Amino acid sequence: AQIDAELSGRDFLLGARPTIADVSLYSYISAAPEGNVDLSDYPQVRAWLARIERLPGFVGFEKTAVGLAA
């Protein structure tokens, strides 16, 4: 909820451009559903994940069928 609030009104965690903060948190947050953490209540976080995934050169992690993804 805190990160969702921080993203309100901006595209990335620290402003209009991605930083190392975005890159470092992406891996944990994008895998949250595999740990049974539902992101559906966090629209800003889901939009932010999509923006990260559209960055040039983005390579996604392999998803596994566990947790909420099962």
PDB file of N, CA and C in Angstrom:
ATOM      1  N   ALA A   1       0.829  -1.188   0.000  1.00  0.00           N
ATOM      2  CA  ALA A   1       0.000   0.000   0.000  1.00  0.00           C
ATOM      3  C   ALA A   1       0.880   1.261   0.000  1.00  0.00           C
ATOM      4  N   GLN A   2       1.989   1.185   0.681  1.00  0.00           N
ATOM      5  CA  GLN A   2       2.889   2.343   0.741  1.00  0.00           C
ATOM      6  C   GLN A   2       3.478   2.664  -0.630  1.00  0.00           C
ATOM      7  N   ILE A   3       3.902   1.646  -1.335  1.00  0.00           N
ATOM      8  CA  ILE A   3       4.480   1.868  -2.664  1.00  0.00           C
ATOM      9  C   ILE A   3       3.401   2.346  -3.624  1.00  0.00           C
ATOM     10  N   ASP A   4       2.195   1.792  -3.523  1.00  0.00           N
ATOM     11  CA  ASP A   4       1.093   2.240  -4.362  1.00  0.00           C
ATOM     12  C   ASP A   4       0.848   3.735  -4.152  1.00  0.00           C
ATOM     13  N   ALA A   5       0.875   4.176  -2.917  1.00  0.00           N
ATOM     14  CA  ALA A   5       0.682   5.598  -2.607  1.00  0.00           C
ATOM     15  C   ALA A   5       1.837   6.440  -3.145  1.00  0.00           C
ATOM     16  N   GLU A   6       3.050   5.948  -3.038  1.00  0.00           N
ATOM     17  CA  GLU A   6       4.218   6.688  -3.543  1.00  0.00           C
ATOM     18  C   GLU A   6       4.153   6.883  -5.052  1.00  0.00           C
ATOM     19  N   LEU A   7       3.567   5.907  -5.755  1.00  0.00           N
ATOM     20  CA  LEU A   7       3.496   5.981  -7.210  1.00  0.00           C
ATOM     21  C   LEU A   7       2.359   6.861  -7.708  1.00  0.00           C
ATOM     22  N   SER A   8       1.499   7.283  -6.827  1.00  0.00           N
ATOM     23  CA  SER A   8       0.384   8.137  -7.234  1.00  0.00           C
ATOM     24  C   SER A   8       0.930   9.463  -7.782  1.00  0.00           C
ATOM     25  N   GLY A   9       0.601   9.736  -9.033  1.00  0.00           N
ATOM     26  CA  GLY A   9       1.027  10.988  -9.646  1.00  0.00           C
ATOM     27  C   GLY A   9       2.402  10.970 -10.277  1.00  0.00           C
ATOM     28  N   ARG A  10       3.052   9.823 -10.293  1.00  0.00           N
ATOM     29  CA  ARG A  10       4.350   9.743 -10.986  1.00  0.00           C
ATOM     30  C   ARG A  10       4.517   8.374 -11.624  1.00  0.00           C
ATOM     31  N   ASP A  11       5.362   8.313 -12.621  1.00  0.00           N
ATOM     32  CA  ASP A  11       5.535   7.064 -13.372  1.00  0.00           C
ATOM     33  C   ASP A  11       6.459   6.064 -12.693  1.00  0.00           C
ATOM     34  N   PHE A  12       7.449   6.580 -11.979  1.00  0.00           N
ATOM     35  CA  PHE A  12       8.427   5.703 -11.343  1.00  0.00           C
ATOM     36  C   PHE A  12       8.614   6.126  -9.889  1.00  0.00           C
ATOM     37  N   LEU A  13       9.307   5.354  -9.119  1.00  0.00           N
ATOM     38  CA  LEU A  13       9.386   5.572  -7.677  1.00  0.00           C
ATOM     39  C   LEU A  13       9.936   6.936  -7.286  1.00  0.00           C
ATOM     40  N   LEU A  14      10.898   7.436  -8.062  1.00  0.00           N
ATOM     41  CA  LEU A  14      11.513   8.709  -7.697  1.00  0.00           C
ATOM     42  C   LEU A  14      11.209   9.823  -8.683  1.00  0.00           C
ATOM     43  N   GLY A  15      10.235   9.615  -9.556  1.00  0.00           N
ATOM     44  CA  GLY A  15       9.872  10.674 -10.482  1.00  0.00           C
ATOM     45  C   GLY A  15       9.487  10.173 -11.849  1.00  0.00           C
ATOM     46  N   ALA A  16       9.872  10.913 -12.870  1.00  0.00           N
ATOM     47  CA  ALA A  16       9.450  10.632 -14.236  1.00  0.00           C
ATOM     48  C   ALA A  16      10.314   9.609 -14.965  1.00  0.00           C
ATOM     49  N   ARG A  17      11.470   9.289 -14.395  1.00  0.00           N
ATOM     50  CA  ARG A  17      12.391   8.358 -15.061  1.00  0.00           C
ATOM     51  C   ARG A  17      12.727   7.204 -14.130  1.00  0.00           C
ATOM     52  N   PRO A  18      12.948   6.012 -14.696  1.00  0.00           N
ATOM     53  CA  PRO A  18      13.312   4.878 -13.843  1.00  0.00           C
ATOM     54  C   PRO A  18      14.707   5.058 -13.251  1.00  0.00           C
ATOM     55  N   THR A  19      14.879   4.547 -12.048  1.00  0.00           N
ATOM     56  CA  THR A  19      16.180   4.567 -11.372  1.00  0.00           C
ATOM     57  C   THR A  19      16.484   3.160 -10.870  1.00  0.00           C
ATOM     58  N   ILE A  20      17.620   3.015 -10.231  1.00  0.00           N
ATOM     59  CA  ILE A  20      17.998   1.731  -9.657  1.00  0.00           C
ATOM     60  C   ILE A  20      16.978   1.277  -8.613  1.00  0.00           C
ATOM     61  N   ALA A  21      16.279   2.196  -7.990  1.00  0.00           N
ATOM     62  CA  ALA A  21      15.233   1.844  -7.023  1.00  0.00           C
ATOM     63  C   ALA A  21      14.123   1.052  -7.708  1.00  0.00           C
ATOM     64  N   ASP A  22      13.727   1.479  -8.884  1.00  0.00           N
ATOM     65  CA  ASP A  22      12.694   0.766  -9.632  1.00  0.00           C
ATOM     66  C   ASP A  22      13.170  -0.629 -10.031  1.00  0.00           C
ATOM     67  N   VAL A  23      14.391  -0.690 -10.535  1.00  0.00           N
ATOM     68  CA  VAL A  23      14.943  -1.972 -10.972  1.00  0.00           C
ATOM     69  C   VAL A  23      15.062  -2.942  -9.804  1.00  0.00           C
ATOM     70  N   SER A  24      15.528  -2.467  -8.680  1.00  0.00           N
ATOM     71  CA  SER A  24      15.745  -3.370  -7.544  1.00  0.00           C
ATOM     72  C   SER A  24      14.434  -3.856  -6.935  1.00  0.00           C
ATOM     73  N   LEU A  25      13.417  -3.011  -6.896  1.00  0.00           N
ATOM     74  CA  LEU A  25      12.138  -3.448  -6.321  1.00  0.00           C
ATOM     75  C   LEU A  25      11.297  -4.264  -7.293  1.00  0.00           C
ATOM     76  N   TYR A  26      11.512  -4.082  -8.587  1.00  0.00           N
ATOM     77  CA  TYR A  26      10.723  -4.808  -9.575  1.00  0.00           C
ATOM     78  C   TYR A  26      10.761  -6.319  -9.335  1.00  0.00           C
ATOM     79  N   SER A  27      11.936  -6.861  -9.117  1.00  0.00           N
ATOM     80  CA  SER A  27      12.050  -8.325  -9.002  1.00  0.00           C
ATOM     81  C   SER A  27      11.223  -8.884  -7.853  1.00  0.00           C
ATOM     82  N   TYR A  28      11.196  -8.194  -6.740  1.00  0.00           N
ATOM     83  CA  TYR A  28      10.421  -8.669  -5.590  1.00  0.00           C
ATOM     84  C   TYR A  28       8.923  -8.478  -5.798  1.00  0.00           C
ATOM     85  N   ILE A  29       8.550  -7.318  -6.280  1.00  0.00           N
ATOM     86  CA  ILE A  29       7.126  -7.016  -6.416  1.00  0.00           C
ATOM     87  C   ILE A  29       6.498  -7.823  -7.549  1.00  0.00           C
ATOM     88  N   SER A  30       7.207  -7.987  -8.651  1.00  0.00           N
ATOM     89  CA  SER A  30       6.641  -8.745  -9.766  1.00  0.00           C
ATOM     90  C   SER A  30       6.420 -10.205  -9.402  1.00  0.00           C
ATOM     91  N   ALA A  31       7.208 -10.727  -8.471  1.00  0.00           N
ATOM     92  CA  ALA A  31       7.066 -12.130  -8.050  1.00  0.00           C
ATOM     93  C   ALA A  31       6.111 -12.297  -6.866  1.00  0.00           C
ATOM     94  N   ALA A  32       5.556 -11.229  -6.370  1.00  0.00           N
ATOM     95  CA  ALA A  32       4.685 -11.298  -5.196  1.00  0.00           C
ATOM     96  C   ALA A  32       3.540 -12.302  -5.349  1.00  0.00           C
ATOM     97  N   PRO A  33       2.869 -12.380  -6.507  1.00  0.00           N
ATOM     98  CA  PRO A  33       1.789 -13.357  -6.626  1.00  0.00           C
ATOM     99  C   PRO A  33       2.258 -14.813  -6.442  1.00  0.00           C
ATOM    100  N   GLU A  34       3.504 -15.092  -6.760  1.00  0.00           N
ATOM    101  CA  GLU A  34       4.025 -16.443  -6.535  1.00  0.00           C
ATOM    102  C   GLU A  34       4.124 -16.751  -5.048  1.00  0.00           C
ATOM    103  N   GLY A  35       4.171 -15.717  -4.227  1.00  0.00           N
ATOM    104  CA  GLY A  35       4.194 -15.882  -2.771  1.00  0.00           C
ATOM    105  C   GLY A  35       2.834 -15.621  -2.144  1.00  0.00           C
ATOM    106  N   ASN A  36       1.782 -15.735  -2.955  1.00  0.00           N
ATOM    107  CA  ASN A  36       0.393 -15.547  -2.511  1.00  0.00           C
ATOM    108  C   ASN A  36       0.065 -14.120  -2.089  1.00  0.00           C
ATOM    109  N   VAL A  37       0.763 -13.149  -2.650  1.00  0.00           N
ATOM    110  CA  VAL A  37       0.447 -11.748  -2.389  1.00  0.00           C
ATOM    111  C   VAL A  37      -0.316 -11.224  -3.602  1.00  0.00           C
ATOM    112  N   ASP A  38      -1.564 -10.868  -3.386  1.00  0.00           N
ATOM    113  CA  ASP A  38      -2.446 -10.389  -4.440  1.00  0.00           C
ATOM    114  C   ASP A  38      -2.198  -8.899  -4.682  1.00  0.00           C
ATOM    115  N   LEU A  39      -1.898  -8.542  -5.917  1.00  0.00           N
ATOM    116  CA  LEU A  39      -1.626  -7.148  -6.268  1.00  0.00           C
ATOM    117  C   LEU A  39      -2.845  -6.428  -6.839  1.00  0.00           C
ATOM    118  N   SER A  40      -3.991  -7.089  -6.866  1.00  0.00           N
ATOM    119  CA  SER A  40      -5.165  -6.493  -7.503  1.00  0.00           C
ATOM    120  C   SER A  40      -5.648  -5.224  -6.804  1.00  0.00           C
ATOM    121  N   ASP A  41      -5.367  -5.058  -5.529  1.00  0.00           N
ATOM    122  CA  ASP A  41      -5.772  -3.851  -4.802  1.00  0.00           C
ATOM    123  C   ASP A  41      -4.797  -2.692  -4.976  1.00  0.00           C
ATOM    124  N   TYR A  42      -3.784  -2.856  -5.809  1.00  0.00           N
ATOM    125  CA  TYR A  42      -2.737  -1.850  -5.963  1.00  0.00           C
ATOM    126  C   TYR A  42      -2.591  -1.439  -7.428  1.00  0.00           C
ATOM    127  N   PRO A  43      -3.516  -0.636  -7.933  1.00  0.00           N
ATOM    128  CA  PRO A  43      -3.485  -0.271  -9.357  1.00  0.00           C
ATOM    129  C   PRO A  43      -2.241   0.510  -9.768  1.00  0.00           C
ATOM    130  N   GLN A  44      -1.719   1.350  -8.890  1.00  0.00           N
ATOM    131  CA  GLN A  44      -0.508   2.104  -9.222  1.00  0.00           C
ATOM    132  C   GLN A  44       0.691   1.168  -9.363  1.00  0.00           C
ATOM    133  N   VAL A  45       0.763   0.173  -8.511  1.00  0.00           N
ATOM    134  CA  VAL A  45       1.855  -0.803  -8.580  1.00  0.00           C
ATOM    135  C   VAL A  45       1.751  -1.619  -9.861  1.00  0.00           C
ATOM    136  N   ARG A  46       0.553  -2.063 -10.210  1.00  0.00           N
ATOM    137  CA  ARG A  46       0.390  -2.856 -11.435  1.00  0.00           C
ATOM    138  C   ARG A  46       0.730  -2.033 -12.671  1.00  0.00           C
ATOM    139  N   ALA A  47       0.354  -0.760 -12.699  1.00  0.00           N
ATOM    140  CA  ALA A  47       0.700   0.109 -13.827  1.00  0.00           C
ATOM    141  C   ALA A  47       2.209   0.332 -13.887  1.00  0.00           C
ATOM    142  N   TRP A  48       2.829   0.496 -12.720  1.00  0.00           N
ATOM    143  CA  TRP A  48       4.281   0.674 -12.642  1.00  0.00           C
ATOM    144  C   TRP A  48       5.002  -0.567 -13.165  1.00  0.00           C
ATOM    145  N   LEU A  49       4.534  -1.761 -12.782  1.00  0.00           N
ATOM    146  CA  LEU A  49       5.135  -2.995 -13.290  1.00  0.00           C
ATOM    147  C   LEU A  49       5.074  -3.018 -14.811  1.00  0.00           C
ATOM    148  N   ALA A  50       3.941  -2.643 -15.365  1.00  0.00           N
ATOM    149  CA  ALA A  50       3.791  -2.622 -16.825  1.00  0.00           C
ATOM    150  C   ALA A  50       4.741  -1.607 -17.461  1.00  0.00           C
ATOM    151  N   ARG A  51       4.930  -0.455 -16.835  1.00  0.00           N
ATOM    152  CA  ARG A  51       5.880   0.536 -17.376  1.00  0.00           C
ATOM    153  C   ARG A  51       7.308  -0.003 -17.363  1.00  0.00           C
ATOM    154  N   ILE A  52       7.688  -0.671 -16.295  1.00  0.00           N
ATOM    155  CA  ILE A  52       9.026  -1.277 -16.227  1.00  0.00           C
ATOM    156  C   ILE A  52       9.177  -2.301 -17.355  1.00  0.00           C
ATOM    157  N   GLU A  53       8.156  -3.113 -17.561  1.00  0.00           N
ATOM    158  CA  GLU A  53       8.216  -4.169 -18.575  1.00  0.00           C
ATOM    159  C   GLU A  53       8.265  -3.614 -19.994  1.00  0.00           C
ATOM    160  N   ARG A  54       7.862  -2.378 -20.192  1.00  0.00           N
ATOM    161  CA  ARG A  54       7.933  -1.745 -21.521  1.00  0.00           C
ATOM    162  C   ARG A  54       9.259  -1.018 -21.768  1.00  0.00           C
ATOM    163  N   LEU A  55      10.124  -0.978 -20.784  1.00  0.00           N
ATOM    164  CA  LEU A  55      11.408  -0.300 -20.970  1.00  0.00           C
ATOM    165  C   LEU A  55      12.246  -1.021 -22.026  1.00  0.00           C
ATOM    166  N   PRO A  56      13.005  -0.268 -22.828  1.00  0.00           N
ATOM    167  CA  PRO A  56      13.870  -0.902 -23.831  1.00  0.00           C
ATOM    168  C   PRO A  56      14.849  -1.868 -23.170  1.00  0.00           C
ATOM    169  N   GLY A  57      14.964  -3.042 -23.752  1.00  0.00           N
ATOM    170  CA  GLY A  57      15.907  -4.035 -23.248  1.00  0.00           C
ATOM    171  C   GLY A  57      15.390  -4.865 -22.086  1.00  0.00           C
ATOM    172  N   PHE A  58      14.145  -4.650 -21.671  1.00  0.00           N
ATOM    173  CA  PHE A  58      13.602  -5.412 -20.546  1.00  0.00           C
ATOM    174  C   PHE A  58      13.593  -6.900 -20.874  1.00  0.00           C
ATOM    175  N   VAL A  59      14.042  -7.695 -19.913  1.00  0.00           N
ATOM    176  CA  VAL A  59      13.976  -9.151 -20.015  1.00  0.00           C
ATOM    177  C   VAL A  59      13.268  -9.638 -18.762  1.00  0.00           C
ATOM    178  N   GLY A  60      12.121 -10.263 -18.954  1.00  0.00           N
ATOM    179  CA  GLY A  60      11.313 -10.708 -17.824  1.00  0.00           C
ATOM    180  C   GLY A  60      11.840 -11.967 -17.168  1.00  0.00           C
ATOM    181  N   PHE A  61      11.376 -12.176 -15.944  1.00  0.00           N
ATOM    182  CA  PHE A  61      11.705 -13.383 -15.212  1.00  0.00           C
ATOM    183  C   PHE A  61      10.772 -14.502 -15.637  1.00  0.00           C
ATOM    184  N   GLU A  62      11.260 -15.717 -15.565  1.00  0.00           N
ATOM    185  CA  GLU A  62      10.405 -16.867 -15.824  1.00  0.00           C
ATOM    186  C   GLU A  62       9.385 -16.980 -14.694  1.00  0.00           C
ATOM    187  N   LYS A  63       8.116 -17.097 -15.055  1.00  0.00           N
ATOM    188  CA  LYS A  63       7.043 -17.237 -14.071  1.00  0.00           C
ATOM    189  C   LYS A  63       6.853 -18.721 -13.748  1.00  0.00           C
ATOM    190  N   THR A  64       6.553 -19.010 -12.514  1.00  0.00           N
ATOM    191  CA  THR A  64       6.284 -20.384 -12.119  1.00  0.00           C
ATOM    192  C   THR A  64       4.834 -20.501 -11.671  1.00  0.00           C
ATOM    193  N   ALA A  65       4.282 -21.680 -11.826  1.00  0.00           N
ATOM    194  CA  ALA A  65       2.881 -21.934 -11.471  1.00  0.00           C
ATOM    195  C   ALA A  65       2.763 -22.300  -9.998  1.00  0.00           C
ATOM    196  N   VAL A  66       3.039 -21.331  -9.152  1.00  0.00           N
ATOM    197  CA  VAL A  66       2.905 -21.518  -7.699  1.00  0.00           C
ATOM    198  C   VAL A  66       2.141 -20.317  -7.141  1.00  0.00           C
ATOM    199  N   GLY A  67       1.713 -20.424  -5.912  1.00  0.00           N
ATOM    200  CA  GLY A  67       1.010 -19.318  -5.269  1.00  0.00           C
ATOM    201  C   GLY A  67      -0.255 -18.966  -6.015  1.00  0.00           C
ATOM    202  N   LEU A  68      -0.493 -17.700  -6.193  1.00  0.00           N
ATOM    203  CA  LEU A  68      -1.701 -17.244  -6.894  1.00  0.00           C
ATOM    204  C   LEU A  68      -1.645 -17.556  -8.384  1.00  0.00           C
ATOM    205  N   ALA A  69      -0.470 -17.839  -8.910  1.00  0.00           N
ATOM    206  CA  ALA A  69      -0.319 -18.173 -10.325  1.00  0.00           C
ATOM    207  C   ALA A  69      -0.596 -19.654 -10.603  1.00  0.00           C
ATOM    208  N   ALA A  70      -0.845 -20.441  -9.575  1.00  0.00           N
ATOM    209  CA  ALA A  70      -1.064 -21.890  -9.753  1.00  0.00           C
ATOM    210  C   ALA A  70      -2.399 -22.179 -10.392  1.00  0.00           C
TER     211      ALA A  70
END
